[in-house]
N, C-alpha and C. Protein backbone atom coordinates (compact mmCIF):
# COMPACT_ATOMS: atom_id res chain seq x y z
N UNK A 1 -13.67 6.12 26.63
CA UNK A 1 -13.38 6.79 25.36
C UNK A 1 -12.02 7.49 25.45
N UNK A 2 -11.20 7.32 24.42
CA UNK A 2 -9.89 7.95 24.37
C UNK A 2 -10.05 9.35 23.78
N UNK A 3 -9.49 10.38 24.44
CA UNK A 3 -9.59 11.74 23.88
C UNK A 3 -9.01 11.84 22.48
N UNK A 4 -9.49 12.82 21.73
CA UNK A 4 -9.04 12.99 20.35
C UNK A 4 -7.69 13.71 20.33
N UNK A 5 -6.63 12.93 20.16
CA UNK A 5 -5.28 13.45 20.09
C UNK A 5 -4.69 13.08 18.73
N UNK A 6 -3.54 13.66 18.42
CA UNK A 6 -2.77 13.24 17.25
C UNK A 6 -1.98 12.00 17.64
N UNK A 7 -2.48 10.84 17.26
CA UNK A 7 -1.86 9.58 17.63
C UNK A 7 -0.96 9.10 16.50
N UNK A 8 0.31 8.89 16.81
CA UNK A 8 1.28 8.50 15.79
C UNK A 8 1.61 7.02 15.81
N UNK A 9 1.62 6.40 16.95
CA UNK A 9 1.96 4.99 17.05
C UNK A 9 1.24 4.34 18.20
N UNK A 10 1.23 3.02 18.20
CA UNK A 10 0.58 2.29 19.28
C UNK A 10 0.83 0.81 19.15
N UNK A 11 0.63 0.10 20.25
CA UNK A 11 0.81 -1.35 20.23
C UNK A 11 0.04 -1.95 21.39
N UNK A 12 -0.48 -3.17 21.17
CA UNK A 12 -1.07 -3.93 22.26
C UNK A 12 0.06 -4.61 23.02
N UNK A 13 0.09 -4.43 24.33
CA UNK A 13 1.17 -4.94 25.15
C UNK A 13 0.84 -6.34 25.64
N UNK A 14 1.85 -6.99 26.23
CA UNK A 14 1.66 -8.36 26.71
C UNK A 14 0.66 -8.43 27.85
N UNK A 15 0.40 -7.32 28.53
CA UNK A 15 -0.59 -7.30 29.61
C UNK A 15 -2.00 -7.03 29.10
N UNK A 16 -2.17 -6.99 27.77
CA UNK A 16 -3.48 -6.79 27.18
C UNK A 16 -3.91 -5.35 27.04
N UNK A 17 -3.08 -4.42 27.48
CA UNK A 17 -3.42 -3.01 27.40
C UNK A 17 -2.87 -2.40 26.11
N UNK A 18 -3.39 -1.25 25.76
CA UNK A 18 -2.99 -0.55 24.54
C UNK A 18 -2.19 0.69 24.92
N UNK A 19 -1.01 0.83 24.31
CA UNK A 19 -0.17 2.00 24.55
C UNK A 19 -0.14 2.85 23.29
N UNK A 20 -0.48 4.13 23.43
CA UNK A 20 -0.54 5.05 22.30
C UNK A 20 0.49 6.16 22.47
N UNK A 21 1.10 6.57 21.35
CA UNK A 21 2.05 7.69 21.34
C UNK A 21 1.34 8.93 20.82
N UNK A 22 1.26 9.97 21.66
CA UNK A 22 0.58 11.22 21.32
C UNK A 22 1.65 12.27 21.02
N UNK A 23 1.50 12.94 19.88
CA UNK A 23 2.59 13.80 19.42
C UNK A 23 2.01 15.02 18.70
N UNK A 24 1.98 16.16 19.36
CA UNK A 24 1.72 17.44 18.70
C UNK A 24 2.44 18.53 19.47
N UNK A 25 2.24 19.78 19.12
CA UNK A 25 3.02 20.86 19.70
C UNK A 25 2.79 21.03 21.20
N UNK A 26 1.59 20.70 21.65
CA UNK A 26 1.24 20.94 23.05
C UNK A 26 1.25 19.68 23.90
N UNK A 27 1.03 18.53 23.29
CA UNK A 27 0.94 17.27 24.03
C UNK A 27 1.94 16.27 23.47
N UNK A 28 2.91 15.91 24.28
CA UNK A 28 3.87 14.88 23.91
C UNK A 28 3.88 13.87 25.04
N UNK A 29 3.17 12.78 24.85
CA UNK A 29 3.03 11.84 25.95
C UNK A 29 2.62 10.47 25.46
N UNK A 30 2.60 9.53 26.40
CA UNK A 30 2.11 8.18 26.16
C UNK A 30 0.82 8.00 26.94
N UNK A 31 -0.12 7.28 26.34
CA UNK A 31 -1.38 6.98 27.00
C UNK A 31 -1.54 5.47 27.06
N UNK A 32 -1.69 4.94 28.27
CA UNK A 32 -1.93 3.52 28.48
C UNK A 32 -3.41 3.33 28.78
N UNK A 33 -4.08 2.49 28.01
CA UNK A 33 -5.52 2.36 28.19
C UNK A 33 -5.96 0.91 28.00
N UNK A 34 -7.19 0.64 28.44
CA UNK A 34 -7.83 -0.65 28.19
C UNK A 34 -9.23 -0.40 27.66
N UNK A 35 -10.06 -1.42 27.65
CA UNK A 35 -11.38 -1.28 27.06
C UNK A 35 -12.25 -0.26 27.80
N UNK A 36 -11.93 0.01 29.07
CA UNK A 36 -12.71 0.95 29.86
C UNK A 36 -12.24 2.40 29.72
N UNK A 37 -11.11 2.61 29.07
CA UNK A 37 -10.62 3.98 28.87
C UNK A 37 -9.18 4.15 29.30
N UNK A 38 -8.80 5.40 29.53
CA UNK A 38 -7.42 5.75 29.86
C UNK A 38 -7.07 5.32 31.29
N UNK A 39 -5.94 4.65 31.44
CA UNK A 39 -5.46 4.23 32.75
C UNK A 39 -4.34 5.13 33.27
N UNK A 40 -3.37 5.40 32.39
CA UNK A 40 -2.18 6.16 32.79
C UNK A 40 -1.74 7.06 31.66
N UNK A 41 -1.27 8.26 32.01
CA UNK A 41 -0.66 9.15 31.03
C UNK A 41 0.76 9.47 31.49
N UNK A 42 1.68 9.46 30.53
CA UNK A 42 3.09 9.72 30.83
C UNK A 42 3.59 10.83 29.93
N UNK A 43 3.86 12.00 30.51
CA UNK A 43 4.38 13.11 29.73
C UNK A 43 5.85 12.88 29.40
N UNK A 44 6.24 13.28 28.19
CA UNK A 44 7.61 13.11 27.74
C UNK A 44 8.20 14.45 27.33
N UNK A 45 9.51 14.54 27.42
CA UNK A 45 10.20 15.77 27.00
C UNK A 45 10.43 15.80 25.49
N UNK A 46 10.32 14.63 24.84
CA UNK A 46 10.48 14.54 23.39
C UNK A 46 9.18 14.17 22.72
N UNK A 47 9.23 14.02 21.41
CA UNK A 47 8.04 13.75 20.60
C UNK A 47 7.99 12.27 20.23
N UNK A 48 7.12 11.47 20.85
CA UNK A 48 7.08 10.01 20.57
C UNK A 48 6.46 9.71 19.23
N UNK A 49 6.88 8.59 18.65
CA UNK A 49 6.35 8.17 17.35
C UNK A 49 6.01 6.69 17.34
N UNK A 50 7.02 5.83 17.28
CA UNK A 50 6.79 4.39 17.20
C UNK A 50 6.74 3.74 18.56
N UNK A 51 5.94 2.67 18.65
CA UNK A 51 5.77 1.92 19.89
C UNK A 51 5.81 0.44 19.56
N UNK A 52 6.53 -0.35 20.36
CA UNK A 52 6.47 -1.81 20.19
C UNK A 52 6.81 -2.50 21.49
N UNK A 53 6.25 -3.70 21.67
CA UNK A 53 6.57 -4.53 22.84
C UNK A 53 8.02 -4.96 22.78
N UNK A 54 8.62 -5.12 23.95
CA UNK A 54 10.00 -5.56 24.05
C UNK A 54 10.09 -6.52 25.23
N UNK A 55 10.18 -7.81 24.93
CA UNK A 55 10.14 -8.79 26.02
C UNK A 55 8.74 -8.87 26.62
N UNK A 56 8.65 -9.30 27.86
CA UNK A 56 7.35 -9.51 28.48
C UNK A 56 6.84 -8.29 29.21
N UNK A 57 7.70 -7.49 29.78
CA UNK A 57 7.24 -6.39 30.64
C UNK A 57 7.81 -5.04 30.25
N UNK A 58 8.27 -4.93 29.02
CA UNK A 58 8.87 -3.66 28.59
C UNK A 58 8.32 -3.24 27.23
N UNK A 59 8.54 -1.99 26.91
CA UNK A 59 8.10 -1.43 25.65
C UNK A 59 9.16 -0.44 25.16
N UNK A 60 9.33 -0.36 23.84
CA UNK A 60 10.24 0.60 23.23
C UNK A 60 9.44 1.70 22.56
N UNK A 61 9.90 2.94 22.73
CA UNK A 61 9.24 4.11 22.14
C UNK A 61 10.30 4.96 21.47
N UNK A 62 10.05 5.34 20.21
CA UNK A 62 11.04 6.16 19.49
C UNK A 62 10.74 7.64 19.64
N UNK A 63 11.81 8.42 19.66
CA UNK A 63 11.75 9.89 19.66
C UNK A 63 12.55 10.36 18.45
N UNK A 64 11.93 10.52 17.28
CA UNK A 64 12.70 10.79 16.06
C UNK A 64 13.45 12.10 16.06
N UNK A 65 12.85 13.17 16.57
CA UNK A 65 13.53 14.47 16.57
C UNK A 65 14.75 14.46 17.46
N UNK A 66 14.68 13.69 18.52
CA UNK A 66 15.80 13.61 19.48
C UNK A 66 16.78 12.50 19.13
N UNK A 67 16.42 11.64 18.14
CA UNK A 67 17.24 10.49 17.75
C UNK A 67 17.52 9.58 18.95
N UNK A 68 16.43 9.21 19.64
CA UNK A 68 16.55 8.38 20.83
C UNK A 68 15.45 7.32 20.83
N UNK A 69 15.72 6.22 21.54
CA UNK A 69 14.73 5.19 21.81
C UNK A 69 14.63 5.04 23.32
N UNK A 70 13.40 5.07 23.84
CA UNK A 70 13.16 4.87 25.27
C UNK A 70 12.77 3.43 25.52
N UNK A 71 13.29 2.87 26.59
CA UNK A 71 12.87 1.55 27.07
C UNK A 71 12.13 1.76 28.39
N UNK A 72 10.86 1.36 28.41
CA UNK A 72 10.01 1.63 29.56
C UNK A 72 9.40 0.35 30.12
N UNK A 73 9.04 0.41 31.41
CA UNK A 73 8.24 -0.64 32.01
C UNK A 73 6.83 -0.55 31.45
N UNK A 74 6.25 -1.66 30.99
CA UNK A 74 4.96 -1.61 30.31
C UNK A 74 3.78 -1.41 31.27
N UNK A 75 3.98 -1.58 32.56
CA UNK A 75 2.90 -1.36 33.53
C UNK A 75 2.94 0.06 34.11
N UNK A 76 4.11 0.47 34.59
CA UNK A 76 4.23 1.78 35.24
C UNK A 76 4.59 2.90 34.28
N UNK A 77 5.12 2.55 33.10
CA UNK A 77 5.65 3.50 32.11
C UNK A 77 6.87 4.26 32.63
N UNK A 78 7.51 3.73 33.66
CA UNK A 78 8.77 4.32 34.12
C UNK A 78 9.85 4.08 33.08
N UNK A 79 10.66 5.10 32.81
CA UNK A 79 11.74 4.98 31.84
C UNK A 79 12.91 4.24 32.46
N UNK A 80 13.31 3.14 31.85
CA UNK A 80 14.41 2.33 32.37
C UNK A 80 15.72 2.64 31.66
N UNK A 81 15.63 3.10 30.41
CA UNK A 81 16.84 3.41 29.66
C UNK A 81 16.51 4.35 28.52
N UNK A 82 17.42 5.26 28.23
CA UNK A 82 17.32 6.13 27.06
C UNK A 82 18.52 5.85 26.17
N UNK A 83 18.26 5.39 24.94
CA UNK A 83 19.33 4.97 24.03
C UNK A 83 19.47 5.99 22.91
N UNK A 84 20.60 6.71 22.83
CA UNK A 84 20.82 7.64 21.72
C UNK A 84 21.24 6.89 20.46
N UNK A 85 20.76 7.35 19.30
CA UNK A 85 21.12 6.76 18.02
C UNK A 85 21.73 7.83 17.12
N UNK A 86 22.39 7.38 16.06
CA UNK A 86 22.96 8.31 15.09
C UNK A 86 22.03 8.54 13.91
N UNK A 87 20.83 7.99 13.99
CA UNK A 87 19.85 8.17 12.92
C UNK A 87 18.51 8.55 13.53
N UNK A 88 17.65 9.18 12.73
CA UNK A 88 16.29 9.42 13.19
C UNK A 88 15.56 8.08 13.28
N UNK A 89 14.62 7.99 14.17
CA UNK A 89 13.93 6.72 14.39
C UNK A 89 12.43 6.98 14.49
N UNK A 90 11.69 6.39 13.55
CA UNK A 90 10.24 6.57 13.50
C UNK A 90 9.57 5.25 13.91
N UNK A 91 9.14 4.43 12.95
CA UNK A 91 8.55 3.15 13.30
C UNK A 91 9.59 2.20 13.85
N UNK A 92 9.14 1.28 14.72
CA UNK A 92 10.05 0.32 15.34
C UNK A 92 9.33 -1.00 15.53
N UNK A 93 10.08 -2.11 15.34
CA UNK A 93 9.54 -3.46 15.55
C UNK A 93 10.66 -4.34 16.05
N UNK A 94 10.32 -5.32 16.88
CA UNK A 94 11.33 -6.22 17.42
C UNK A 94 10.88 -7.67 17.31
N UNK A 95 11.87 -8.56 17.24
CA UNK A 95 11.63 -10.00 17.27
C UNK A 95 12.91 -10.65 17.77
N UNK A 96 12.82 -11.29 18.93
CA UNK A 96 14.03 -11.87 19.51
C UNK A 96 15.06 -10.79 19.80
N UNK A 97 16.27 -10.97 19.25
CA UNK A 97 17.31 -9.97 19.46
C UNK A 97 17.44 -9.00 18.29
N UNK A 98 16.42 -8.98 17.41
CA UNK A 98 16.43 -8.13 16.22
C UNK A 98 15.50 -6.94 16.43
N UNK A 99 15.98 -5.76 16.10
CA UNK A 99 15.15 -4.55 16.12
C UNK A 99 15.26 -3.88 14.76
N UNK A 100 14.12 -3.55 14.17
CA UNK A 100 14.07 -2.88 12.88
C UNK A 100 13.46 -1.50 13.08
N UNK A 101 14.07 -0.49 12.45
CA UNK A 101 13.63 0.90 12.61
C UNK A 101 13.51 1.57 11.24
N UNK A 102 12.45 2.31 11.05
CA UNK A 102 12.31 3.16 9.87
C UNK A 102 12.88 4.53 10.17
N UNK A 103 13.85 4.96 9.38
CA UNK A 103 14.53 6.24 9.64
C UNK A 103 14.05 7.36 8.72
N UNK A 104 13.04 7.10 7.93
CA UNK A 104 12.51 7.98 6.88
C UNK A 104 13.34 7.90 5.61
N UNK A 105 14.65 7.90 5.70
CA UNK A 105 15.50 7.76 4.52
C UNK A 105 15.87 6.32 4.23
N UNK A 106 15.68 5.44 5.21
CA UNK A 106 16.10 4.04 5.05
C UNK A 106 15.38 3.18 6.08
N UNK A 107 15.59 1.88 5.95
CA UNK A 107 15.15 0.91 6.95
C UNK A 107 16.39 0.21 7.46
N UNK A 108 16.59 0.23 8.78
CA UNK A 108 17.82 -0.33 9.35
C UNK A 108 17.47 -1.42 10.36
N UNK A 109 18.42 -2.32 10.56
CA UNK A 109 18.25 -3.41 11.51
C UNK A 109 19.39 -3.38 12.52
N UNK A 110 19.05 -3.59 13.79
CA UNK A 110 20.03 -3.76 14.85
C UNK A 110 19.94 -5.20 15.35
N UNK A 111 21.07 -5.85 15.47
CA UNK A 111 21.10 -7.23 15.92
C UNK A 111 21.86 -7.33 17.24
N UNK A 112 21.17 -7.69 18.30
CA UNK A 112 21.82 -7.88 19.60
C UNK A 112 21.87 -6.65 20.47
N UNK A 113 21.41 -5.52 20.01
CA UNK A 113 21.42 -4.30 20.82
C UNK A 113 21.40 -3.07 19.94
N UNK A 114 20.95 -1.95 20.52
CA UNK A 114 20.84 -0.71 19.75
C UNK A 114 22.16 0.06 19.78
N UNK A 115 23.17 -0.55 19.20
CA UNK A 115 24.48 0.07 19.11
C UNK A 115 24.84 0.27 17.64
N UNK A 116 25.55 1.36 17.36
CA UNK A 116 25.87 1.69 15.97
C UNK A 116 26.62 0.57 15.27
N UNK A 117 27.50 -0.11 15.97
CA UNK A 117 28.29 -1.17 15.35
C UNK A 117 27.42 -2.39 14.98
N UNK A 118 26.21 -2.45 15.51
CA UNK A 118 25.30 -3.55 15.23
C UNK A 118 24.26 -3.18 14.17
N UNK A 119 24.40 -2.01 13.56
CA UNK A 119 23.39 -1.53 12.62
C UNK A 119 23.70 -1.97 11.20
N UNK A 120 22.67 -2.45 10.48
CA UNK A 120 22.76 -2.83 9.08
C UNK A 120 21.63 -2.17 8.32
N UNK A 121 21.93 -1.61 7.16
CA UNK A 121 20.88 -1.00 6.33
C UNK A 121 20.22 -2.06 5.48
N UNK A 122 18.89 -2.18 5.60
CA UNK A 122 18.14 -3.17 4.83
C UNK A 122 17.61 -2.59 3.53
N UNK A 123 17.26 -1.31 3.53
CA UNK A 123 16.72 -0.66 2.33
C UNK A 123 16.97 0.83 2.41
N UNK A 124 17.36 1.42 1.27
CA UNK A 124 17.60 2.87 1.24
C UNK A 124 17.17 3.49 -0.09
N UNK A 125 16.44 2.75 -0.91
CA UNK A 125 16.07 3.26 -2.24
C UNK A 125 14.70 3.92 -2.28
N UNK A 126 13.97 3.90 -1.15
CA UNK A 126 12.68 4.58 -1.07
C UNK A 126 12.75 5.71 -0.06
N UNK A 127 11.99 6.77 -0.31
CA UNK A 127 11.92 7.87 0.66
C UNK A 127 10.70 7.68 1.54
N UNK A 128 10.69 8.38 2.66
CA UNK A 128 9.56 8.37 3.60
C UNK A 128 9.19 6.96 4.06
N UNK A 129 10.22 6.20 4.41
CA UNK A 129 9.99 4.86 4.96
C UNK A 129 9.95 4.97 6.48
N UNK A 130 8.80 5.43 6.98
CA UNK A 130 8.64 5.63 8.41
C UNK A 130 8.21 4.35 9.13
N UNK A 131 7.26 3.62 8.53
CA UNK A 131 6.62 2.51 9.23
C UNK A 131 7.28 1.18 8.90
N UNK A 132 7.43 0.34 9.93
CA UNK A 132 8.04 -0.98 9.77
C UNK A 132 7.26 -1.99 10.60
N UNK A 133 7.39 -3.26 10.22
CA UNK A 133 6.82 -4.36 10.99
C UNK A 133 7.62 -5.61 10.70
N UNK A 134 7.50 -6.61 11.57
CA UNK A 134 8.14 -7.92 11.40
C UNK A 134 7.07 -8.99 11.51
N UNK A 135 7.13 -10.01 10.62
CA UNK A 135 6.19 -11.11 10.75
C UNK A 135 6.83 -12.24 11.55
N UNK A 136 6.11 -13.36 11.68
CA UNK A 136 6.59 -14.46 12.51
C UNK A 136 7.74 -15.23 11.87
N UNK A 137 8.07 -14.92 10.61
CA UNK A 137 9.22 -15.52 9.95
C UNK A 137 10.38 -14.54 9.88
N UNK A 138 10.27 -13.44 10.62
CA UNK A 138 11.29 -12.38 10.67
C UNK A 138 11.52 -11.72 9.31
N UNK A 139 10.51 -11.72 8.47
CA UNK A 139 10.55 -10.90 7.27
C UNK A 139 10.17 -9.46 7.66
N UNK A 140 10.75 -8.52 6.96
CA UNK A 140 10.56 -7.10 7.27
C UNK A 140 9.53 -6.50 6.32
N UNK A 141 8.54 -5.82 6.86
CA UNK A 141 7.55 -5.11 6.06
C UNK A 141 7.73 -3.63 6.31
N UNK A 142 7.75 -2.85 5.25
CA UNK A 142 7.87 -1.40 5.41
C UNK A 142 7.12 -0.71 4.28
N UNK A 143 6.81 0.56 4.50
CA UNK A 143 6.02 1.30 3.51
C UNK A 143 6.66 2.66 3.24
N UNK A 144 6.38 3.18 2.05
CA UNK A 144 6.80 4.53 1.67
C UNK A 144 5.56 5.40 1.57
N UNK A 145 5.51 6.40 2.40
CA UNK A 145 4.34 7.27 2.51
C UNK A 145 4.08 8.04 1.22
N UNK A 146 5.13 8.51 0.55
CA UNK A 146 4.96 9.31 -0.66
C UNK A 146 4.92 8.46 -1.92
N UNK A 147 5.58 7.31 -1.92
CA UNK A 147 5.59 6.44 -3.09
C UNK A 147 4.39 5.50 -3.13
N UNK A 148 3.61 5.44 -2.04
CA UNK A 148 2.41 4.60 -1.97
C UNK A 148 2.74 3.13 -2.19
N UNK A 149 3.84 2.67 -1.58
CA UNK A 149 4.33 1.31 -1.78
C UNK A 149 4.46 0.61 -0.42
N UNK A 150 4.10 -0.66 -0.40
CA UNK A 150 4.38 -1.52 0.74
C UNK A 150 5.27 -2.65 0.26
N UNK A 151 6.35 -2.91 0.98
CA UNK A 151 7.28 -3.98 0.60
C UNK A 151 7.43 -4.98 1.73
N UNK A 152 7.75 -6.19 1.28
CA UNK A 152 8.13 -7.24 2.22
C UNK A 152 9.43 -7.85 1.73
N UNK A 153 10.41 -7.95 2.61
CA UNK A 153 11.69 -8.54 2.22
C UNK A 153 12.25 -9.37 3.36
N UNK A 154 13.14 -10.30 3.00
CA UNK A 154 13.74 -11.13 4.03
C UNK A 154 15.01 -10.46 4.56
N UNK A 155 15.61 -11.08 5.56
CA UNK A 155 16.78 -10.49 6.21
C UNK A 155 18.00 -10.46 5.29
N UNK A 156 17.98 -11.28 4.24
CA UNK A 156 19.10 -11.27 3.28
C UNK A 156 18.97 -10.15 2.27
N UNK A 157 17.87 -9.42 2.31
CA UNK A 157 17.67 -8.30 1.40
C UNK A 157 16.86 -8.63 0.17
N UNK A 158 16.38 -9.86 0.06
CA UNK A 158 15.56 -10.25 -1.10
C UNK A 158 14.15 -9.70 -0.95
N UNK A 159 13.68 -8.97 -1.94
CA UNK A 159 12.33 -8.42 -1.89
C UNK A 159 11.34 -9.51 -2.26
N UNK A 160 10.46 -9.84 -1.34
CA UNK A 160 9.48 -10.91 -1.55
C UNK A 160 8.27 -10.40 -2.32
N UNK A 161 7.86 -9.17 -2.09
CA UNK A 161 6.87 -8.52 -2.93
C UNK A 161 6.85 -7.03 -2.67
N UNK A 162 6.40 -6.29 -3.67
CA UNK A 162 6.10 -4.86 -3.55
C UNK A 162 4.64 -4.69 -3.92
N UNK A 163 3.92 -3.98 -3.08
CA UNK A 163 2.47 -3.85 -3.27
C UNK A 163 2.09 -2.39 -3.47
N UNK A 164 1.36 -2.12 -4.53
CA UNK A 164 0.73 -0.82 -4.76
C UNK A 164 -0.69 -1.07 -5.23
N UNK A 165 -1.55 -0.11 -5.05
CA UNK A 165 -2.92 -0.23 -5.51
C UNK A 165 -3.49 1.17 -5.71
N UNK A 166 -4.34 1.32 -6.72
CA UNK A 166 -4.90 2.64 -7.02
C UNK A 166 -5.74 3.18 -5.87
N UNK A 167 -6.22 2.28 -5.01
CA UNK A 167 -7.01 2.72 -3.88
C UNK A 167 -6.26 2.64 -2.55
N UNK A 168 -4.94 2.65 -2.65
CA UNK A 168 -4.11 2.79 -1.45
C UNK A 168 -3.28 4.05 -1.61
N UNK A 169 -3.59 5.07 -0.83
CA UNK A 169 -2.88 6.34 -0.91
C UNK A 169 -2.25 6.67 0.44
N UNK A 170 -0.97 6.96 0.39
CA UNK A 170 -0.19 7.33 1.57
C UNK A 170 -0.32 6.29 2.68
N UNK A 171 0.24 5.10 2.48
CA UNK A 171 0.19 4.08 3.53
C UNK A 171 0.89 4.56 4.79
N UNK A 172 0.15 4.55 5.85
CA UNK A 172 0.66 5.07 7.13
C UNK A 172 0.11 4.18 8.23
N UNK A 173 0.98 3.35 8.80
CA UNK A 173 0.58 2.41 9.82
C UNK A 173 0.59 0.99 9.30
N UNK A 174 1.38 0.12 9.94
CA UNK A 174 1.50 -1.29 9.56
C UNK A 174 1.33 -2.17 10.79
N UNK A 175 0.70 -3.31 10.60
CA UNK A 175 0.59 -4.29 11.67
C UNK A 175 0.52 -5.68 11.04
N UNK A 176 1.01 -6.68 11.78
CA UNK A 176 0.99 -8.06 11.31
C UNK A 176 0.37 -8.93 12.40
N UNK A 177 -0.57 -9.82 12.02
CA UNK A 177 -1.16 -10.69 13.03
C UNK A 177 -0.43 -12.03 13.07
N UNK A 178 -0.93 -12.94 13.90
CA UNK A 178 -0.23 -14.22 14.11
C UNK A 178 -0.29 -15.11 12.89
N UNK A 179 -1.15 -14.81 11.93
CA UNK A 179 -1.25 -15.59 10.71
C UNK A 179 -0.41 -15.02 9.57
N UNK A 180 0.33 -13.96 9.86
CA UNK A 180 1.17 -13.36 8.84
C UNK A 180 0.44 -12.37 7.95
N UNK A 181 -0.83 -12.10 8.23
CA UNK A 181 -1.57 -11.10 7.46
C UNK A 181 -1.09 -9.70 7.82
N UNK A 182 -0.95 -8.87 6.81
CA UNK A 182 -0.41 -7.52 6.98
C UNK A 182 -1.54 -6.51 6.85
N UNK A 183 -1.70 -5.65 7.84
CA UNK A 183 -2.71 -4.62 7.83
C UNK A 183 -2.04 -3.29 7.49
N UNK A 184 -2.53 -2.66 6.43
CA UNK A 184 -1.93 -1.41 5.94
C UNK A 184 -2.99 -0.31 6.00
N UNK A 185 -2.70 0.75 6.73
CA UNK A 185 -3.62 1.88 6.80
C UNK A 185 -3.39 2.84 5.65
N UNK A 186 -4.45 3.11 4.87
CA UNK A 186 -4.37 4.12 3.82
C UNK A 186 -4.78 5.47 4.39
N UNK A 187 -3.82 6.30 4.70
CA UNK A 187 -4.10 7.58 5.37
C UNK A 187 -4.95 8.49 4.49
N UNK A 188 -4.55 8.67 3.23
CA UNK A 188 -5.29 9.56 2.33
C UNK A 188 -6.48 8.87 1.68
N UNK A 189 -6.40 7.54 1.49
CA UNK A 189 -7.51 6.81 0.87
C UNK A 189 -8.57 6.37 1.88
N UNK A 190 -8.26 6.56 3.17
CA UNK A 190 -9.22 6.31 4.25
C UNK A 190 -9.73 4.87 4.21
N UNK A 191 -8.80 3.91 4.13
CA UNK A 191 -9.19 2.51 4.12
C UNK A 191 -8.06 1.66 4.71
N UNK A 192 -8.32 0.38 4.84
CA UNK A 192 -7.32 -0.56 5.33
C UNK A 192 -7.21 -1.70 4.32
N UNK A 193 -6.00 -1.97 3.87
CA UNK A 193 -5.73 -3.10 2.98
C UNK A 193 -5.12 -4.22 3.83
N UNK A 194 -5.62 -5.43 3.64
CA UNK A 194 -5.14 -6.58 4.39
C UNK A 194 -4.50 -7.54 3.40
N UNK A 195 -3.20 -7.77 3.55
CA UNK A 195 -2.43 -8.61 2.63
C UNK A 195 -2.07 -9.92 3.30
N UNK A 196 -2.17 -10.99 2.54
CA UNK A 196 -1.74 -12.29 3.04
C UNK A 196 -0.21 -12.39 2.94
N UNK A 197 0.33 -13.50 3.39
CA UNK A 197 1.79 -13.70 3.30
C UNK A 197 2.29 -13.58 1.87
N UNK A 198 1.49 -14.06 0.91
CA UNK A 198 1.93 -14.08 -0.48
C UNK A 198 1.39 -12.91 -1.29
N UNK A 199 0.87 -11.90 -0.59
CA UNK A 199 0.36 -10.69 -1.22
C UNK A 199 -0.98 -10.89 -1.92
N UNK A 200 -1.79 -11.81 -1.43
CA UNK A 200 -3.20 -11.78 -1.77
C UNK A 200 -3.83 -10.61 -1.02
N UNK A 201 -4.69 -9.89 -1.67
CA UNK A 201 -5.33 -8.73 -1.05
C UNK A 201 -6.72 -9.11 -0.56
N UNK A 202 -6.94 -8.94 0.73
CA UNK A 202 -8.27 -9.14 1.31
C UNK A 202 -8.79 -7.77 1.73
N UNK A 203 -9.83 -7.30 1.09
CA UNK A 203 -10.37 -5.99 1.47
C UNK A 203 -11.79 -5.87 0.96
N UNK A 204 -12.53 -4.95 1.51
CA UNK A 204 -13.92 -4.77 1.11
C UNK A 204 -14.12 -3.62 0.14
N UNK A 205 -13.07 -2.81 -0.07
CA UNK A 205 -13.29 -1.63 -0.90
C UNK A 205 -12.15 -1.29 -1.83
N UNK A 206 -11.18 -2.18 -2.00
CA UNK A 206 -9.99 -1.83 -2.77
C UNK A 206 -10.05 -2.28 -4.22
N UNK A 207 -11.15 -2.85 -4.67
CA UNK A 207 -11.22 -3.28 -6.07
C UNK A 207 -12.67 -3.36 -6.50
N UNK A 208 -12.89 -3.29 -7.79
CA UNK A 208 -14.25 -3.45 -8.28
C UNK A 208 -14.57 -4.93 -8.46
N UNK A 209 -15.84 -5.24 -8.72
CA UNK A 209 -16.28 -6.63 -8.75
C UNK A 209 -15.67 -7.44 -9.88
N UNK A 210 -15.19 -6.79 -10.92
CA UNK A 210 -14.62 -7.51 -12.05
C UNK A 210 -13.23 -8.05 -11.74
N UNK A 211 -12.61 -7.56 -10.68
CA UNK A 211 -11.23 -7.94 -10.39
C UNK A 211 -11.13 -8.93 -9.23
N UNK A 212 -12.25 -9.30 -8.64
CA UNK A 212 -12.13 -10.05 -7.41
C UNK A 212 -13.27 -11.05 -7.26
N UNK A 213 -13.12 -11.92 -6.28
CA UNK A 213 -14.16 -12.86 -5.92
C UNK A 213 -14.48 -12.67 -4.45
N UNK A 214 -15.66 -13.13 -4.05
CA UNK A 214 -16.07 -12.98 -2.67
C UNK A 214 -15.74 -14.25 -1.89
N UNK A 215 -15.20 -14.08 -0.69
CA UNK A 215 -14.89 -15.22 0.17
C UNK A 215 -15.23 -14.84 1.60
N UNK A 216 -16.39 -15.29 2.04
CA UNK A 216 -16.78 -15.03 3.42
C UNK A 216 -16.89 -13.56 3.75
N UNK A 217 -17.35 -12.74 2.81
CA UNK A 217 -17.50 -11.33 3.08
C UNK A 217 -16.29 -10.50 2.71
N UNK A 218 -15.17 -11.18 2.42
CA UNK A 218 -13.98 -10.45 1.98
C UNK A 218 -13.80 -10.65 0.48
N UNK A 219 -13.38 -9.60 -0.18
CA UNK A 219 -13.07 -9.73 -1.60
C UNK A 219 -11.56 -9.91 -1.77
N UNK A 220 -11.21 -10.78 -2.69
CA UNK A 220 -9.81 -11.20 -2.81
C UNK A 220 -9.28 -10.90 -4.20
N UNK A 221 -8.09 -10.35 -4.24
CA UNK A 221 -7.40 -10.10 -5.51
C UNK A 221 -6.04 -10.75 -5.43
N UNK A 222 -5.66 -11.47 -6.46
CA UNK A 222 -4.31 -12.04 -6.50
C UNK A 222 -3.41 -11.04 -7.20
N UNK A 223 -2.29 -10.71 -6.52
CA UNK A 223 -1.34 -9.75 -7.08
C UNK A 223 -0.13 -10.50 -7.59
């Protein structure tokens, strides 16, 4: 059992373990665990937020207050590099040589390395864009915590869809599986919305029966 901490970010690593970012006034650390419980704890001097796999044996962790990204060994959690940025960094996702970061005021992309000269702004018209994700087609998914919006756009800046729903409040936490399905955590609505690539909604509690059909236990709404 994992102790009850304020968990801000997490990711399943290539070694099958789960890495969690713990962030409150008294505890600022990473917890590496598996199905049997906690394996390793790593105390940090900064406040961790976003976590994502990087290559086969490394992981990236953001420190938004310090404007830094840590590169760590995914087994030992030893810090291999500390990268300073000129922007705050909350959620983080990588694919190949692309890294996408939610800065709260914008969503930015780094191509080829976390250097300022490699940074491009993908979106800046929404506030509270903390969480980001990348699908297998390198489309960027991000959410606005206060606007209750989830967006998907391509690298050219074309918005593929914007998703809102009366039963999605304060989206906080994004994940994408190998099929391109997007998992959105509703922090205030206490639910999870699952979106297909084309923004079909698969969920058990996000719509009434008049708006949806049943498919294998999931209710589906076309948006």
